[in-house]
Every structure is written in C-alpha cells, then in structure tokens.
Full PDB file with SEQRES, HELIX, SHEET, SSBOND, CRYST1, ORIGX, SCALE, CONECT and MASTER records, all heavy atoms in Angstrom:
SEQRES   1 A   41  ALA VAL ASN GLU VAL ARG GLY ALA MET GLU GLY LEU LEU          
SEQRES   2 A   41  GLU PRO ILE THR GLU GLU ARG LEU LEU GLY VAL ALA GLU          
SEQRES   3 A   41  VAL ARG ALA LEU PHE ARG SER SER ARG VAL GLY THR ILE          
SEQRES   4 A   41  ALA GLY                                                      
HELIX    1 AA1 VAL A    2  GLU A   10  1                                   9    
SHEET    1 AA1 2 LEU A  30  SER A  33  0                                        
SHEET    2 AA1 2 GLY A  37  ALA A  40 -1                                        
CRYST1    1.000    1.000    1.000  90.00  90.00  90.00 P 1           1          
ORIGX1      1.000000  0.000000  0.000000        0.00000                         
ORIGX2      0.000000  1.000000  0.000000        0.00000                         
ORIGX3      0.000000  0.000000  1.000000        0.00000                         
SCALE1      1.000000  0.000000  0.000000        0.00000                         
SCALE2      0.000000  1.000000  0.000000        0.00000                         
SCALE3      0.000000  0.000000  1.000000        0.00000                         
ATOM      1  N   ALA A   1     -12.877   4.136  12.789  1.00  0.00           N  
ATOM      2  CA  ALA A   1     -12.194   3.399  13.860  1.00  0.00           C  
ATOM      3  C   ALA A   1     -13.203   2.877  14.876  1.00  0.00           C  
ATOM      4  O   ALA A   1     -13.182   1.700  15.261  1.00  0.00           O  
ATOM      5  CB  ALA A   1     -11.176   4.300  14.547  1.00  0.00           C  
ATOM      6  N   VAL A   2     -14.108   3.760  15.313  1.00  0.00           N  
ATOM      7  CA  VAL A   2     -15.096   3.382  16.334  1.00  0.00           C  
ATOM      8  C   VAL A   2     -16.007   2.279  15.806  1.00  0.00           C  
ATOM      9  O   VAL A   2     -16.261   1.275  16.483  1.00  0.00           O  
ATOM     10  CB  VAL A   2     -15.926   4.613  16.761  1.00  0.00           C  
ATOM     11  CG1 VAL A   2     -17.028   4.206  17.732  1.00  0.00           C  
ATOM     12  CG2 VAL A   2     -15.018   5.660  17.405  1.00  0.00           C  
ATOM     13  N   ASN A   3     -16.507   2.448  14.563  1.00  0.00           N  
ATOM     14  CA  ASN A   3     -17.435   1.462  13.993  1.00  0.00           C  
ATOM     15  C   ASN A   3     -16.768   0.114  13.777  1.00  0.00           C  
ATOM     16  O   ASN A   3     -17.396  -0.937  13.960  1.00  0.00           O  
ATOM     17  CB  ASN A   3     -18.009   1.975  12.668  1.00  0.00           C  
ATOM     18  CG  ASN A   3     -18.957   3.148  12.880  1.00  0.00           C  
ATOM     19  OD1 ASN A   3     -19.522   3.304  13.962  1.00  0.00           O  
ATOM     20  ND2 ASN A   3     -19.121   3.987  11.874  1.00  0.00           N  
ATOM     21  N   GLU A   4     -15.474   0.130  13.403  1.00  0.00           N  
ATOM     22  CA  GLU A   4     -14.794  -1.145  13.171  1.00  0.00           C  
ATOM     23  C   GLU A   4     -14.565  -1.894  14.486  1.00  0.00           C  
ATOM     24  O   GLU A   4     -14.739  -3.109  14.548  1.00  0.00           O  
ATOM     25  CB  GLU A   4     -13.460  -0.913  12.445  1.00  0.00           C  
ATOM     26  CG  GLU A   4     -12.868  -2.202  11.918  1.00  0.00           C  
ATOM     27  CD  GLU A   4     -11.933  -1.994  10.736  1.00  0.00           C  
ATOM     28  OE1 GLU A   4     -12.329  -1.328   9.759  1.00  0.00           O  
ATOM     29  OE2 GLU A   4     -10.810  -2.515  10.805  1.00  0.00           O  
ATOM     30  N   VAL A   5     -14.185  -1.168  15.537  1.00  0.00           N  
ATOM     31  CA  VAL A   5     -14.001  -1.822  16.845  1.00  0.00           C  
ATOM     32  C   VAL A   5     -15.343  -2.339  17.360  1.00  0.00           C  
ATOM     33  O   VAL A   5     -15.447  -3.457  17.864  1.00  0.00           O  
ATOM     34  CB  VAL A   5     -13.356  -0.860  17.864  1.00  0.00           C  
ATOM     35  CG1 VAL A   5     -13.304  -1.495  19.253  1.00  0.00           C  
ATOM     36  CG2 VAL A   5     -11.944  -0.468  17.430  1.00  0.00           C  
ATOM     37  N   ARG A   6     -16.404  -1.518  17.216  1.00  0.00           N  
ATOM     38  CA  ARG A   6     -17.734  -1.952  17.646  1.00  0.00           C  
ATOM     39  C   ARG A   6     -18.176  -3.194  16.861  1.00  0.00           C  
ATOM     40  O   ARG A   6     -18.679  -4.167  17.423  1.00  0.00           O  
ATOM     41  CB  ARG A   6     -18.755  -0.829  17.449  1.00  0.00           C  
ATOM     42  CG  ARG A   6     -20.161  -1.227  17.960  1.00  0.00           C  
ATOM     43  CD  ARG A   6     -21.223  -0.228  17.577  1.00  0.00           C  
ATOM     44  NE  ARG A   6     -21.096   1.016  18.320  1.00  0.00           N  
ATOM     45  CZ  ARG A   6     -20.846   2.196  17.783  1.00  0.00           C  
ATOM     46  NH1 ARG A   6     -20.675   2.307  16.465  1.00  0.00           N  
ATOM     47  NH2 ARG A   6     -20.742   3.277  18.522  1.00  0.00           N  
ATOM     48  N   GLY A   7     -17.962  -3.155  15.547  1.00  0.00           N  
ATOM     49  CA  GLY A   7     -18.332  -4.297  14.697  1.00  0.00           C  
ATOM     50  C   GLY A   7     -17.591  -5.554  15.086  1.00  0.00           C  
ATOM     51  O   GLY A   7     -18.156  -6.649  15.109  1.00  0.00           O  
ATOM     52  N   ALA A   8     -16.289  -5.402  15.416  1.00  0.00           N  
ATOM     53  CA  ALA A   8     -15.500  -6.563  15.826  1.00  0.00           C  
ATOM     54  C   ALA A   8     -16.015  -7.139  17.133  1.00  0.00           C  
ATOM     55  O   ALA A   8     -16.094  -8.360  17.309  1.00  0.00           O  
ATOM     56  CB  ALA A   8     -14.035  -6.154  15.979  1.00  0.00           C  
ATOM     57  N   MET A   9     -16.422  -6.257  18.067  1.00  0.00           N  
ATOM     58  CA  MET A   9     -16.930  -6.710  19.364  1.00  0.00           C  
ATOM     59  C   MET A   9     -18.283  -7.409  19.216  1.00  0.00           C  
ATOM     60  O   MET A   9     -18.616  -8.307  19.983  1.00  0.00           O  
ATOM     61  CB  MET A   9     -17.049  -5.526  20.327  1.00  0.00           C  
ATOM     62  CG  MET A   9     -15.695  -4.989  20.777  1.00  0.00           C  
ATOM     63  SD  MET A   9     -15.813  -3.412  21.647  1.00  0.00           S  
ATOM     64  CE  MET A   9     -16.662  -3.903  23.149  1.00  0.00           C  
ATOM     65  N   GLU A  10     -19.062  -6.997  18.220  1.00  0.00           N  
ATOM     66  CA  GLU A  10     -20.407  -7.566  18.035  1.00  0.00           C  
ATOM     67  C   GLU A  10     -20.432  -8.678  16.999  1.00  0.00           C  
ATOM     68  O   GLU A  10     -21.484  -9.242  16.702  1.00  0.00           O  
ATOM     69  CB  GLU A  10     -21.378  -6.454  17.620  1.00  0.00           C  
ATOM     70  CG  GLU A  10     -21.588  -5.409  18.710  1.00  0.00           C  
ATOM     71  CD  GLU A  10     -22.395  -4.217  18.222  1.00  0.00           C  
ATOM     72  OE1 GLU A  10     -22.726  -4.184  17.012  1.00  0.00           O  
ATOM     73  OE2 GLU A  10     -22.695  -3.326  19.040  1.00  0.00           O  
ATOM     74  N   GLY A  11     -19.257  -8.994  16.405  1.00  0.00           N  
ATOM     75  CA  GLY A  11     -19.209 -10.060  15.408  1.00  0.00           C  
ATOM     76  C   GLY A  11     -19.762  -9.635  14.071  1.00  0.00           C  
ATOM     77  O   GLY A  11     -20.195 -10.477  13.271  1.00  0.00           O  
ATOM     78  N   LEU A  12     -19.806  -8.338  13.781  1.00  0.00           N  
ATOM     79  CA  LEU A  12     -20.401  -7.828  12.541  1.00  0.00           C  
ATOM     80  C   LEU A  12     -19.342  -7.274  11.595  1.00  0.00           C  
ATOM     81  O   LEU A  12     -19.668  -6.560  10.653  1.00  0.00           O  
ATOM     82  CB  LEU A  12     -21.411  -6.716  12.871  1.00  0.00           C  
ATOM     83  CG  LEU A  12     -22.526  -7.087  13.854  1.00  0.00           C  
ATOM     84  CD1 LEU A  12     -23.336  -5.851  14.219  1.00  0.00           C  
ATOM     85  CD2 LEU A  12     -23.433  -8.141  13.240  1.00  0.00           C  
ATOM     86  N   LEU A  13     -18.084  -7.584  11.845  1.00  0.00           N  
ATOM     87  CA  LEU A  13     -17.010  -7.018  11.036  1.00  0.00           C  
ATOM     88  C   LEU A  13     -17.028  -7.626   9.635  1.00  0.00           C  
ATOM     89  O   LEU A  13     -17.029  -8.846   9.471  1.00  0.00           O  
ATOM     90  CB  LEU A  13     -15.660  -7.308  11.707  1.00  0.00           C  
ATOM     91  CG  LEU A  13     -14.474  -6.466  11.284  1.00  0.00           C  
ATOM     92  CD1 LEU A  13     -14.716  -4.996  11.624  1.00  0.00           C  
ATOM     93  CD2 LEU A  13     -13.215  -6.946  11.957  1.00  0.00           C  
ATOM     94  N   GLU A  14     -17.081  -6.756   8.637  1.00  0.00           N  
ATOM     95  CA  GLU A  14     -17.070  -7.241   7.259  1.00  0.00           C  
ATOM     96  C   GLU A  14     -15.644  -7.603   6.874  1.00  0.00           C  
ATOM     97  O   GLU A  14     -14.688  -6.965   7.308  1.00  0.00           O  
ATOM     98  CB  GLU A  14     -17.591  -6.152   6.307  1.00  0.00           C  
ATOM     99  CG  GLU A  14     -19.071  -5.860   6.496  1.00  0.00           C  
ATOM    100  CD  GLU A  14     -19.544  -4.777   5.549  1.00  0.00           C  
ATOM    101  OE1 GLU A  14     -18.805  -4.456   4.599  1.00  0.00           O  
ATOM    102  OE2 GLU A  14     -20.649  -4.258   5.767  1.00  0.00           O  
ATOM    103  N   PRO A  15     -15.493  -8.643   6.016  1.00  0.00           N  
ATOM    104  CA  PRO A  15     -14.131  -8.995   5.590  1.00  0.00           C  
ATOM    105  C   PRO A  15     -13.500  -7.836   4.825  1.00  0.00           C  
ATOM    106  O   PRO A  15     -14.178  -7.173   4.042  1.00  0.00           O  
ATOM    107  CB  PRO A  15     -14.327 -10.206   4.680  1.00  0.00           C  
ATOM    108  CG  PRO A  15     -15.787 -10.426   4.550  1.00  0.00           C  
ATOM    109  CD  PRO A  15     -16.517  -9.492   5.432  1.00  0.00           C  
ATOM    110  N   ILE A  16     -12.228  -7.582   5.078  1.00  0.00           N  
ATOM    111  CA  ILE A  16     -11.555  -6.484   4.377  1.00  0.00           C  
ATOM    112  C   ILE A  16     -10.367  -7.037   3.598  1.00  0.00           C  
ATOM    113  O   ILE A  16      -9.797  -8.070   3.953  1.00  0.00           O  
ATOM    114  CB  ILE A  16     -11.071  -5.385   5.360  1.00  0.00           C  
ATOM    115  CG1 ILE A  16     -10.166  -6.002   6.438  1.00  0.00           C  
ATOM    116  CG2 ILE A  16     -12.218  -4.656   5.997  1.00  0.00           C  
ATOM    117  CD1 ILE A  16      -9.441  -4.972   7.262  1.00  0.00           C  
ATOM    118  N   THR A  17     -10.010  -6.359   2.526  1.00  0.00           N  
ATOM    119  CA  THR A  17      -8.840  -6.743   1.744  1.00  0.00           C  
ATOM    120  C   THR A  17      -7.621  -6.119   2.409  1.00  0.00           C  
ATOM    121  O   THR A  17      -7.564  -4.905   2.571  1.00  0.00           O  
ATOM    122  CB  THR A  17      -8.966  -6.228   0.300  1.00  0.00           C  
ATOM    123  OG1 THR A  17     -10.200  -6.693  -0.234  1.00  0.00           O  
ATOM    124  CG2 THR A  17      -7.815  -6.732  -0.550  1.00  0.00           C  
ATOM    125  N   GLU A  18      -6.693  -6.969   2.816  1.00  0.00           N  
ATOM    126  CA  GLU A  18      -5.523  -6.475   3.532  1.00  0.00           C  
ATOM    127  C   GLU A  18      -4.356  -6.293   2.581  1.00  0.00           C  
ATOM    128  O   GLU A  18      -4.018  -7.189   1.812  1.00  0.00           O  
ATOM    129  CB  GLU A  18      -5.146  -7.472   4.635  1.00  0.00           C  
ATOM    130  CG  GLU A  18      -4.019  -6.977   5.515  1.00  0.00           C  
ATOM    131  CD  GLU A  18      -3.616  -8.022   6.548  1.00  0.00           C  
ATOM    132  OE1 GLU A  18      -4.344  -8.176   7.539  1.00  0.00           O  
ATOM    133  OE2 GLU A  18      -2.589  -8.672   6.342  1.00  0.00           O  
ATOM    134  N   GLU A  19      -3.759  -5.115   2.614  1.00  0.00           N  
ATOM    135  CA  GLU A  19      -2.579  -4.846   1.800  1.00  0.00           C  
ATOM    136  C   GLU A  19      -1.344  -5.187   2.609  1.00  0.00           C  
ATOM    137  O   GLU A  19      -1.121  -4.628   3.680  1.00  0.00           O  
ATOM    138  CB  GLU A  19      -2.566  -3.362   1.416  1.00  0.00           C  
ATOM    139  CG  GLU A  19      -1.460  -3.000   0.458  1.00  0.00           C  
ATOM    140  CD  GLU A  19      -1.503  -1.531   0.090  1.00  0.00           C  
ATOM    141  OE1 GLU A  19      -2.481  -1.097  -0.557  1.00  0.00           O  
ATOM    142  OE2 GLU A  19      -0.573  -0.815   0.489  1.00  0.00           O  
ATOM    143  N   ARG A  20      -0.557  -6.142   2.126  1.00  0.00           N  
ATOM    144  CA  ARG A  20       0.618  -6.580   2.876  1.00  0.00           C  
ATOM    145  C   ARG A  20       1.881  -5.969   2.273  1.00  0.00           C  
ATOM    146  O   ARG A  20       2.143  -6.132   1.085  1.00  0.00           O  
ATOM    147  CB  ARG A  20       0.700  -8.107   2.851  1.00  0.00           C  
ATOM    148  CG  ARG A  20       1.838  -8.645   3.688  1.00  0.00           C  
ATOM    149  CD  ARG A  20       1.591 -10.051   4.121  1.00  0.00           C  
ATOM    150  NE  ARG A  20       0.440 -10.155   5.018  1.00  0.00           N  
ATOM    151  CZ  ARG A  20       0.276 -11.161   5.868  1.00  0.00           C  
ATOM    152  NH1 ARG A  20       1.155 -12.108   5.952  1.00  0.00           N  
ATOM    153  NH2 ARG A  20      -0.790 -11.220   6.652  1.00  0.00           N  
ATOM    154  N   LEU A  21       2.628  -5.256   3.085  1.00  0.00           N  
ATOM    155  CA  LEU A  21       3.837  -4.585   2.631  1.00  0.00           C  
ATOM    156  C   LEU A  21       4.959  -5.605   2.463  1.00  0.00           C  
ATOM    157  O   LEU A  21       5.277  -6.345   3.391  1.00  0.00           O  
ATOM    158  CB  LEU A  21       4.236  -3.528   3.672  1.00  0.00           C  
ATOM    159  CG  LEU A  21       5.288  -2.520   3.254  1.00  0.00           C  
ATOM    160  CD1 LEU A  21       4.718  -1.575   2.204  1.00  0.00           C  
ATOM    161  CD2 LEU A  21       5.741  -1.725   4.455  1.00  0.00           C  
ATOM    162  N   LEU A  22       5.540  -5.672   1.273  1.00  0.00           N  
ATOM    163  CA  LEU A  22       6.601  -6.645   1.011  1.00  0.00           C  
ATOM    164  C   LEU A  22       7.991  -6.019   1.066  1.00  0.00           C  
ATOM    165  O   LEU A  22       8.974  -6.705   1.256  1.00  0.00           O  
ATOM    166  CB  LEU A  22       6.391  -7.296  -0.365  1.00  0.00           C  
ATOM    167  CG  LEU A  22       5.085  -8.085  -0.531  1.00  0.00           C  
ATOM    168  CD1 LEU A  22       4.990  -8.639  -1.928  1.00  0.00           C  
ATOM    169  CD2 LEU A  22       5.005  -9.216   0.484  1.00  0.00           C  
ATOM    170  N   GLY A  23       8.068  -4.705   0.868  1.00  0.00           N  
ATOM    171  CA  GLY A  23       9.366  -4.043   0.915  1.00  0.00           C  
ATOM    172  C   GLY A  23       9.215  -2.540   0.766  1.00  0.00           C  
ATOM    173  O   GLY A  23       8.158  -2.056   0.359  1.00  0.00           O  
ATOM    174  N   VAL A  24      10.276  -1.821   1.104  1.00  0.00           N  
ATOM    175  CA  VAL A  24      10.261  -0.361   0.993  1.00  0.00           C  
ATOM    176  C   VAL A  24      11.526   0.075   0.275  1.00  0.00           C  
ATOM    177  O   VAL A  24      12.612  -0.431   0.559  1.00  0.00           O  
ATOM    178  CB  VAL A  24      10.214   0.302   2.397  1.00  0.00           C  
ATOM    179  CG1 VAL A  24      10.237   1.820   2.266  1.00  0.00           C  
ATOM    180  CG2 VAL A  24       8.971  -0.127   3.151  1.00  0.00           C  
ATOM    181  N   ALA A  25      11.395   0.996  -0.696  1.00  0.00           N  
ATOM    182  CA  ALA A  25      12.563   1.539  -1.397  1.00  0.00           C  
ATOM    183  C   ALA A  25      12.439   3.048  -1.472  1.00  0.00           C  
ATOM    184  O   ALA A  25      11.341   3.588  -1.626  1.00  0.00           O  
ATOM    185  CB  ALA A  25      12.671   0.933  -2.786  1.00  0.00           C  
ATOM    186  N   GLU A  26      13.588   3.727  -1.344  1.00  0.00           N  
ATOM    187  CA  GLU A  26      13.603   5.182  -1.440  1.00  0.00           C  
ATOM    188  C   GLU A  26      14.200   5.579  -2.790  1.00  0.00           C  
ATOM    189  O   GLU A  26      15.288   5.115  -3.164  1.00  0.00           O  
ATOM    190  CB  GLU A  26      14.469   5.756  -0.308  1.00  0.00           C  
ATOM    191  CG  GLU A  26      14.522   7.277  -0.316  1.00  0.00           C  
ATOM    192  CD  GLU A  26      15.525   7.813   0.698  1.00  0.00           C  
ATOM    193  OE1 GLU A  26      15.910   7.060   1.622  1.00  0.00           O  
ATOM    194  OE2 GLU A  26      15.925   8.976   0.542  1.00  0.00           O  
ATOM    195  N   VAL A  27      13.462   6.428  -3.538  1.00  0.00           N  
ATOM    196  CA  VAL A  27      13.962   6.886  -4.839  1.00  0.00           C  
ATOM    197  C   VAL A  27      15.071   7.904  -4.608  1.00  0.00           C  
ATOM    198  O   VAL A  27      14.847   8.943  -3.994  1.00  0.00           O  
ATOM    199  CB  VAL A  27      12.817   7.498  -5.684  1.00  0.00           C  
ATOM    200  CG1 VAL A  27      13.368   8.010  -7.027  1.00  0.00           C  
ATOM    201  CG2 VAL A  27      11.712   6.480  -5.916  1.00  0.00           C  
ATOM    202  N   ARG A  28      16.286   7.586  -5.103  1.00  0.00           N  
ATOM    203  CA  ARG A  28      17.442   8.456  -4.895  1.00  0.00           C  
ATOM    204  C   ARG A  28      17.715   9.361  -6.111  1.00  0.00           C  
ATOM    205  O   ARG A  28      18.213  10.462  -5.988  1.00  0.00           O  
ATOM    206  CB  ARG A  28      18.700   7.617  -4.601  1.00  0.00           C  
ATOM    207  CG  ARG A  28      18.650   6.867  -3.262  1.00  0.00           C  
ATOM    208  CD  ARG A  28      18.839   7.820  -2.097  1.00  0.00           C  
ATOM    209  NE  ARG A  28      18.743   7.139  -0.823  1.00  0.00           N  
ATOM    210  CZ  ARG A  28      19.792   6.573  -0.199  1.00  0.00           C  
ATOM    211  NH1 ARG A  28      20.983   6.596  -0.747  1.00  0.00           N  
ATOM    212  NH2 ARG A  28      19.617   5.991   0.971  1.00  0.00           N  
ATOM    213  N   ALA A  29      17.408   8.838  -7.313  1.00  0.00           N  
ATOM    214  CA  ALA A  29      17.684   9.636  -8.514  1.00  0.00           C  
ATOM    215  C   ALA A  29      16.812   9.154  -9.672  1.00  0.00           C  
ATOM    216  O   ALA A  29      16.372   7.993  -9.680  1.00  0.00           O  
ATOM    217  CB  ALA A  29      19.157   9.527  -8.886  1.00  0.00           C  
ATOM    218  N   LEU A  30      16.523  10.044 -10.627  1.00  0.00           N  
ATOM    219  CA  LEU A  30      15.743   9.709 -11.827  1.00  0.00           C  
ATOM    220  C   LEU A  30      16.625   9.827 -13.063  1.00  0.00           C  
ATOM    221  O   LEU A  30      17.419  10.757 -13.194  1.00  0.00           O  
ATOM    222  CB  LEU A  30      14.537  10.643 -11.957  1.00  0.00           C  
ATOM    223  CG  LEU A  30      13.470  10.550 -10.851  1.00  0.00           C  
ATOM    224  CD1 LEU A  30      12.398  11.604 -11.076  1.00  0.00           C  
ATOM    225  CD2 LEU A  30      12.837   9.166 -10.822  1.00  0.00           C  
ATOM    226  N   PHE A  31      16.492   8.857 -13.972  1.00  0.00           N  
ATOM    227  CA  PHE A  31      17.250   8.867 -15.232  1.00  0.00           C  
ATOM    228  C   PHE A  31      16.264   8.796 -16.393  1.00  0.00           C  
ATOM    229  O   PHE A  31      15.327   7.990 -16.366  1.00  0.00           O  
ATOM    230  CB  PHE A  31      18.204   7.661 -15.297  1.00  0.00           C  
ATOM    231  CG  PHE A  31      19.103   7.537 -14.094  1.00  0.00           C  
ATOM    232  CD1 PHE A  31      18.730   6.753 -13.006  1.00  0.00           C  
ATOM    233  CD2 PHE A  31      20.301   8.221 -14.034  1.00  0.00           C  
ATOM    234  CE1 PHE A  31      19.546   6.648 -11.892  1.00  0.00           C  
ATOM    235  CE2 PHE A  31      21.132   8.115 -12.928  1.00  0.00           C  
ATOM    236  CZ  PHE A  31      20.753   7.332 -11.848  1.00  0.00           C  
ATOM    237  N   ARG A  32      16.463   9.633 -17.403  1.00  0.00           N  
ATOM    238  CA  ARG A  32      15.576   9.641 -18.570  1.00  0.00           C  
ATOM    239  C   ARG A  32      16.155   8.730 -19.654  1.00  0.00           C  
ATOM    240  O   ARG A  32      17.339   8.800 -19.961  1.00  0.00           O  
ATOM    241  CB  ARG A  32      15.434  11.064 -19.141  1.00  0.00           C  
ATOM    242  CG  ARG A  32      15.129  12.124 -18.104  1.00  0.00           C  
ATOM    243  CD  ARG A  32      13.721  11.992 -17.553  1.00  0.00           C  
ATOM    244  NE  ARG A  32      13.505  12.949 -16.457  1.00  0.00           N  
ATOM    245  CZ  ARG A  32      12.426  12.955 -15.695  1.00  0.00           C  
ATOM    246  NH1 ARG A  32      11.473  12.070 -15.900  1.00  0.00           N  
ATOM    247  NH2 ARG A  32      12.298  13.836 -14.725  1.00  0.00           N  
ATOM    248  N   SER A  33      15.298   7.911 -20.245  1.00  0.00           N  
ATOM    249  CA  SER A  33      15.720   7.022 -21.329  1.00  0.00           C  
ATOM    250  C   SER A  33      14.731   7.165 -22.484  1.00  0.00           C  
ATOM    251  O   SER A  33      13.514   7.096 -22.274  1.00  0.00           O  
ATOM    252  CB  SER A  33      15.761   5.573 -20.844  1.00  0.00           C  
ATOM    253  OG  SER A  33      15.841   4.691 -21.947  1.00  0.00           O  
ATOM    254  N   SER A  34      15.264   7.372 -23.687  1.00  0.00           N  
ATOM    255  CA  SER A  34      14.363   7.534 -24.837  1.00  0.00           C  
ATOM    256  C   SER A  34      13.635   6.238 -25.168  1.00  0.00           C  
ATOM    257  O   SER A  34      12.540   6.240 -25.721  1.00  0.00           O  
ATOM    258  CB  SER A  34      15.167   8.012 -26.057  1.00  0.00           C  
ATOM    259  OG  SER A  34      16.222   7.100 -26.316  1.00  0.00           O  
ATOM    260  N   ARG A  35      14.252   5.075 -24.797  1.00  0.00           N  
ATOM    261  CA  ARG A  35      13.615   3.795 -25.129  1.00  0.00           C  
ATOM    262  C   ARG A  35      12.559   3.378 -24.109  1.00  0.00           C  
ATOM    263  O   ARG A  35      11.472   2.956 -24.481  1.00  0.00           O  
ATOM    264  CB  ARG A  35      14.694   2.703 -25.211  1.00  0.00           C  
ATOM    265  CG  ARG A  35      15.397   2.658 -26.568  1.00  0.00           C  
ATOM    266  CD  ARG A  35      16.268   1.442 -26.666  1.00  0.00           C  
ATOM    267  NE  ARG A  35      17.174   1.337 -25.505  1.00  0.00           N  
ATOM    268  CZ  ARG A  35      17.727   0.207 -25.111  1.00  0.00           C  
ATOM    269  NH1 ARG A  35      17.445  -0.922 -25.714  1.00  0.00           N  
ATOM    270  NH2 ARG A  35      18.541   0.186 -24.065  1.00  0.00           N  
ATOM    271  N   VAL A  36      12.880   3.451 -22.811  1.00  0.00           N  
ATOM    272  CA  VAL A  36      11.960   2.895 -21.805  1.00  0.00           C  
ATOM    273  C   VAL A  36      11.288   3.961 -20.933  1.00  0.00           C  
ATOM    274  O   VAL A  36      10.489   3.645 -20.060  1.00  0.00           O  
ATOM    275  CB  VAL A  36      12.681   1.881 -20.885  1.00  0.00           C  
ATOM    276  CG1 VAL A  36      13.133   0.664 -21.673  1.00  0.00           C  
ATOM    277  CG2 VAL A  36      13.846   2.520 -20.151  1.00  0.00           C  
ATOM    278  N   GLY A  37      11.593   5.225 -21.126  1.00  0.00           N  
ATOM    279  CA  GLY A  37      10.983   6.264 -20.313  1.00  0.00           C  
ATOM    280  C   GLY A  37      11.854   6.617 -19.116  1.00  0.00           C  
ATOM    281  O   GLY A  37      13.083   6.630 -19.219  1.00  0.00           O  
ATOM    282  N   THR A  38      11.215   6.869 -17.962  1.00  0.00           N  
ATOM    283  CA  THR A  38      11.958   7.302 -16.780  1.00  0.00           C  
ATOM    284  C   THR A  38      12.373   6.083 -15.936  1.00  0.00           C  
ATOM    285  O   THR A  38      11.566   5.191 -15.669  1.00  0.00           O  
ATOM    286  CB  THR A  38      11.101   8.250 -15.921  1.00  0.00           C  
ATOM    287  OG1 THR A  38      10.667   9.321 -16.750  1.00  0.00           O  
ATOM    288  CG2 THR A  38      11.896   8.811 -14.752  1.00  0.00           C  
ATOM    289  N   ILE A  39      13.634   6.080 -15.520  1.00  0.00           N  
ATOM    290  CA  ILE A  39      14.156   5.003 -14.663  1.00  0.00           C  
ATOM    291  C   ILE A  39      14.408   5.596 -13.282  1.00  0.00           C  
ATOM    292  O   ILE A  39      15.012   6.665 -13.151  1.00  0.00           O  
ATOM    293  CB  ILE A  39      15.477   4.437 -15.229  1.00  0.00           C  
ATOM    294  CG1 ILE A  39      15.246   3.856 -16.639  1.00  0.00           C  
ATOM    295  CG2 ILE A  39      16.068   3.382 -14.295  1.00  0.00           C  
ATOM    296  CD1 ILE A  39      16.524   3.614 -17.417  1.00  0.00           C  
ATOM    297  N   ALA A  40      13.914   4.914 -12.251  1.00  0.00           N  
ATOM    298  CA  ALA A  40      14.126   5.364 -10.864  1.00  0.00           C  
ATOM    299  C   ALA A  40      15.256   4.549 -10.240  1.00  0.00           C  
ATOM    300  O   ALA A  40      15.180   3.336 -10.182  1.00  0.00           O  
ATOM    301  CB  ALA A  40      12.844   5.203 -10.054  1.00  0.00           C  
ATOM    302  N   GLY A  41      16.277   5.266  -9.798  1.00  0.00           N  
ATOM    303  CA  GLY A  41      17.354   4.620  -9.046  1.00  0.00           C  
ATOM    304  C   GLY A  41      16.970   4.588  -7.568  1.00  0.00           C  
ATOM    305  O   GLY A  41      16.758   5.634  -6.963  1.00  0.00           O  
TER     306      GLY A  41                                                      
MASTER        0    0    0    1    2    0    0    6  305    1    0    4          
END                                                                             
C-alpha cells in the first residue's frame, strides 16, 4: 500500500491489470449429474 501510493505520487506507478467485477452470485445448492458433473444452483 505504502509503495503504491509513493509510486503514484512520484509518477513511478507500474501499469497493473485491473479485475473488473461483472456480477455476484451466491451458491444455494449443488446437484450431481452423471453427464455434466456438478451443477451449482
């Protein structure tokens, strides 16, 4: 945290790959299928 803020202030911040969250889902139940494996509801 300290080095990144210092780097930003001094113009030395390296480009970073940003992970952008597109959605959130909560797994409520698991179903087993012999054809496709485990299905998450």
